[in-house]
Structures are given as structure tokens and as C-alpha cells.
């Protein structure tokens, strides 16, 4: 799918999700403010079912939106990565950072490793959990990376024996 169609689909899903949230707020307001005589009497008996289905629908829409956002990021990243030039340099690992995200984005983590090149330039790389676990601050070694304009992509790190 092209980027434009991903963006259009994402916007449509966002709009539907916003409308569903407004519907939930209205139904809950209606149930709290008018407990005995609600504004719309045909909905009275089924309000709980409608709220449950609306919440389930919101969760499904959120999942679809998250999947589309992830797919779009992957497509952009793969295009940039595939067109990047492969470089190698001896570097020193100066820091590591693991960021975990909570809330509705469960299970998403980002692992960063910052390195310093011989010319004192510092760059942070996104790495996978396996690479993150074996790289230690202070390590020196041969870094293989790809560079495309301002984007840097980690490929491999081979620790230099002490």
C-alpha cells in the first residue's frame, strides 16, 4: 500500500474513533444525569450493550490505527535504510538507554546505544534487544552502520578484545 493510502486510512479510522468517543461520553452523560428519565427512551434498555460494543469497537479501531502507524513507519524506514551507504568505523560505546512504553502501547520498547567516533562525533543508534544486552558501556570495537543524509542505522558491532 502506498504512503498516501495508509495516511488516508489512518485519518478515517481516527475520525471514526473520535465519533465513537463522543457517543460514549454522550451515553454515559445521559445515564448519569437522567437516571430515571433519559433523553432517548428507546435506548434505555440497551445502553449497557451499546456502551460495551462501542468500547470494543474503539479497541479494535485503536489496534488497526496502531498497526497502520507501525506499517507506515516500517515502510519509510526500509526505504531510507535500503538507500543508505554502508560505513564502518572504530567507536567507543559511551552510553545505553532502554525506554519502555506503557499504557495502550504495551510491549513496545526502544533500545538506544550512543557511540563516539574517533573525531569525537557522537551518534545514538536504535538497536534490537539482543544487541542491547551484549553491548556494554566503555566497549570499543568495529561498528558497521548505514548512513543516509541525517539518518544513521545500526547494522553490527564487533567488540575489540582488550
Protein backbone atom coordinates (compact mmCIF):
# COMPACT_ATOMS: atom_id res chain seq x y z
CA UNK A 1 0.00 0.00 0.00
CA UNK A 2 1.26 3.50 -0.76
CA UNK A 3 2.02 6.03 1.96
CA UNK A 4 -0.89 8.26 0.94
CA UNK A 5 -3.42 5.44 1.25
CA UNK A 6 -2.02 4.50 4.69
CA UNK A 7 -2.39 8.11 5.79
CA UNK A 8 -5.95 8.38 4.41
CA UNK A 9 -7.00 5.15 6.11
CA UNK A 10 -5.37 6.29 9.35
CA UNK A 11 -7.28 9.61 9.21
CA UNK A 12 -10.59 7.84 8.54
CA UNK A 13 -10.02 5.46 11.46
CA UNK A 14 -9.09 8.41 13.70
CA UNK A 15 -12.34 10.18 12.76
CA UNK A 16 -14.45 7.10 13.46
CA UNK A 17 -12.66 6.65 16.76
CA UNK A 18 -13.35 10.28 17.73
CA UNK A 19 -17.06 9.89 16.88
CA UNK A 20 -17.27 6.72 18.96
CA UNK A 21 -15.66 8.51 21.92
CA UNK A 22 -18.22 11.32 21.64
CA UNK A 23 -21.01 8.71 21.56
CA UNK A 24 -19.68 7.04 24.73
CA UNK A 25 -19.42 10.36 26.54
CA UNK A 26 -22.97 11.28 25.49
CA UNK A 27 -24.40 7.92 26.56
CA UNK A 28 -22.65 8.00 29.92
CA UNK A 29 -23.74 11.62 30.49
CA UNK A 30 -27.28 10.64 29.59
CA UNK A 31 -27.20 7.68 32.02
CA UNK A 32 -25.73 9.71 34.91
CA UNK A 33 -27.67 12.97 34.56
CA UNK A 34 -31.04 11.44 33.69
CA UNK A 35 -31.06 8.07 35.53
CA UNK A 36 -34.86 7.76 35.65
CA UNK A 37 -35.95 9.56 32.52
CA UNK A 38 -33.28 9.52 29.86
CA UNK A 39 -33.36 11.73 26.79
CA UNK A 40 -33.83 8.81 24.37
CA UNK A 41 -36.18 6.24 25.87
CA UNK A 42 -35.67 3.53 23.15
CA UNK A 43 -32.00 3.32 24.17
CA UNK A 44 -32.82 2.95 27.89
CA UNK A 45 -32.90 -0.84 27.98
CA UNK A 46 -29.90 -1.32 25.71
CA UNK A 47 -27.50 1.40 26.83
CA UNK A 48 -25.13 -1.05 28.53
CA UNK A 49 -24.91 -3.20 25.40
CA UNK A 50 -24.29 -0.17 23.21
CA UNK A 51 -21.54 1.11 25.53
CA UNK A 52 -19.84 -2.32 25.59
CA UNK A 53 -19.95 -2.67 21.79
CA UNK A 54 -18.70 0.90 21.38
CA UNK A 55 -15.76 0.28 23.71
CA UNK A 56 -14.90 -2.99 21.92
CA UNK A 57 -15.14 -1.12 18.60
CA UNK A 58 -12.79 1.56 19.90
CA UNK A 59 -10.25 -1.05 20.95
CA UNK A 60 -10.42 -2.66 17.50
CA UNK A 61 -10.02 0.73 15.82
CA UNK A 62 -7.08 1.60 18.07
CA UNK A 63 -5.43 -1.70 17.13
CA UNK A 64 -5.94 -1.02 13.43
CA UNK A 65 -4.58 2.51 13.76
CA UNK A 66 -1.54 1.30 15.68
CA UNK A 67 -0.90 -1.41 13.10
CA UNK A 68 -1.15 1.09 10.24
CA UNK A 69 1.16 3.55 12.01
CA UNK A 70 3.69 0.76 12.63
CA UNK A 71 3.49 -0.42 9.00
CA UNK A 72 3.91 3.14 7.69
CA UNK A 73 6.98 3.71 9.87
CA UNK A 74 8.47 0.41 8.70
CA UNK A 75 7.94 1.29 5.03
CA UNK A 76 9.56 4.72 5.42
CA UNK A 77 12.42 3.26 7.46
CA UNK A 78 13.03 0.42 4.99
CA UNK A 79 13.11 2.84 2.05
CA UNK A 80 15.62 5.04 3.85
CA UNK A 81 17.64 2.03 5.07
CA UNK A 82 17.82 0.37 1.65
CA UNK A 83 19.16 3.55 0.02
CA UNK A 84 21.78 4.17 2.71
CA UNK A 85 25.54 3.78 2.29
CA UNK A 86 27.33 1.14 4.41
CA UNK A 87 30.15 2.51 6.60
CA UNK A 88 32.49 1.08 9.20
CA UNK A 89 34.37 2.82 12.00
CA UNK A 90 36.11 2.04 15.27
CA UNK A 91 33.99 3.52 18.03
CA UNK A 92 33.60 3.62 21.80
CA UNK A 93 30.23 2.94 23.39
CA UNK A 94 29.53 5.88 25.70
CA UNK A 95 26.02 5.12 26.94
CA UNK A 96 22.98 2.87 26.69
CA UNK A 97 19.32 3.67 27.22
CA UNK A 98 16.23 1.47 27.29
CA UNK A 99 12.83 3.13 27.00
CA UNK A 100 9.71 1.16 27.76
CA UNK A 101 6.30 2.45 26.82
CA UNK A 102 3.19 1.71 28.85
CA UNK A 103 -0.50 2.38 28.51
CA UNK A 104 -2.22 1.20 25.35
CA UNK A 105 1.13 0.66 23.63
CA UNK A 106 2.11 -2.33 25.77
CA UNK A 107 5.18 -4.27 24.84
CA UNK A 108 6.85 -1.52 22.86
CA UNK A 109 10.43 -0.80 23.90
CA UNK A 110 13.22 1.18 22.34
CA UNK A 111 16.88 0.39 22.91
CA UNK A 112 19.48 3.06 22.19
CA UNK A 113 23.26 2.83 22.15
CA UNK A 114 25.32 6.01 21.91
CA UNK A 115 28.80 5.77 20.41
CA UNK A 116 31.68 8.17 19.93
CA UNK A 117 33.67 8.18 16.70
CA UNK A 118 37.43 8.92 16.61
CA UNK A 119 36.69 12.52 15.54
CA UNK A 120 34.67 12.95 18.81
CA UNK A 121 31.33 12.90 16.95
CA UNK A 122 28.58 11.17 18.95
CA UNK A 123 25.63 9.31 17.44
CA UNK A 124 22.80 7.28 19.00
CA UNK A 125 21.60 4.12 17.28
CA UNK A 126 18.39 2.16 17.70
CA UNK A 127 19.34 -1.46 18.35
CA UNK A 128 17.35 -4.62 19.00
CA UNK A 129 17.08 -6.16 22.46
CA UNK A 130 19.69 -8.85 21.72
CA UNK A 131 22.37 -6.37 20.61
CA UNK A 132 21.50 -4.09 23.53
CA UNK A 133 22.06 -6.91 26.01
CA UNK A 134 25.57 -7.77 24.77
CA UNK A 135 26.92 -4.23 24.29
CA UNK A 136 28.46 -2.67 27.40
CA UNK A 137 29.29 0.97 28.10
CA UNK A 138 33.00 1.51 27.52
CA UNK A 139 33.24 -1.18 24.83
CA UNK A 140 35.40 -0.34 21.83
CA UNK A 141 35.10 -2.08 18.52
CA UNK A 142 34.20 -2.01 14.86
CA UNK A 143 30.77 -0.53 14.16
CA UNK A 144 29.08 -1.29 10.87
CA UNK A 145 26.31 1.17 10.12
CA UNK A 146 24.36 2.67 7.27
CA UNK A 147 24.04 6.39 6.72
CA UNK A 148 21.58 8.24 4.51
CA UNK A 149 21.76 12.03 4.92
CA UNK A 150 20.96 12.62 8.60
CA UNK A 151 19.72 9.06 9.28
CA UNK A 152 22.03 6.51 10.89
CA UNK A 153 21.14 2.80 11.07
CA UNK A 154 22.89 0.24 13.26
CA UNK A 155 23.99 -2.90 11.39
CA UNK A 156 26.56 -4.66 13.62
CA UNK A 157 29.08 -4.11 16.39
CA UNK A 158 32.14 -6.31 16.88
CA UNK A 159 33.80 -5.80 20.24
CA UNK A 160 37.56 -5.34 20.12
CA UNK A 161 39.38 -7.73 22.51
CA UNK A 162 41.16 -5.97 25.37
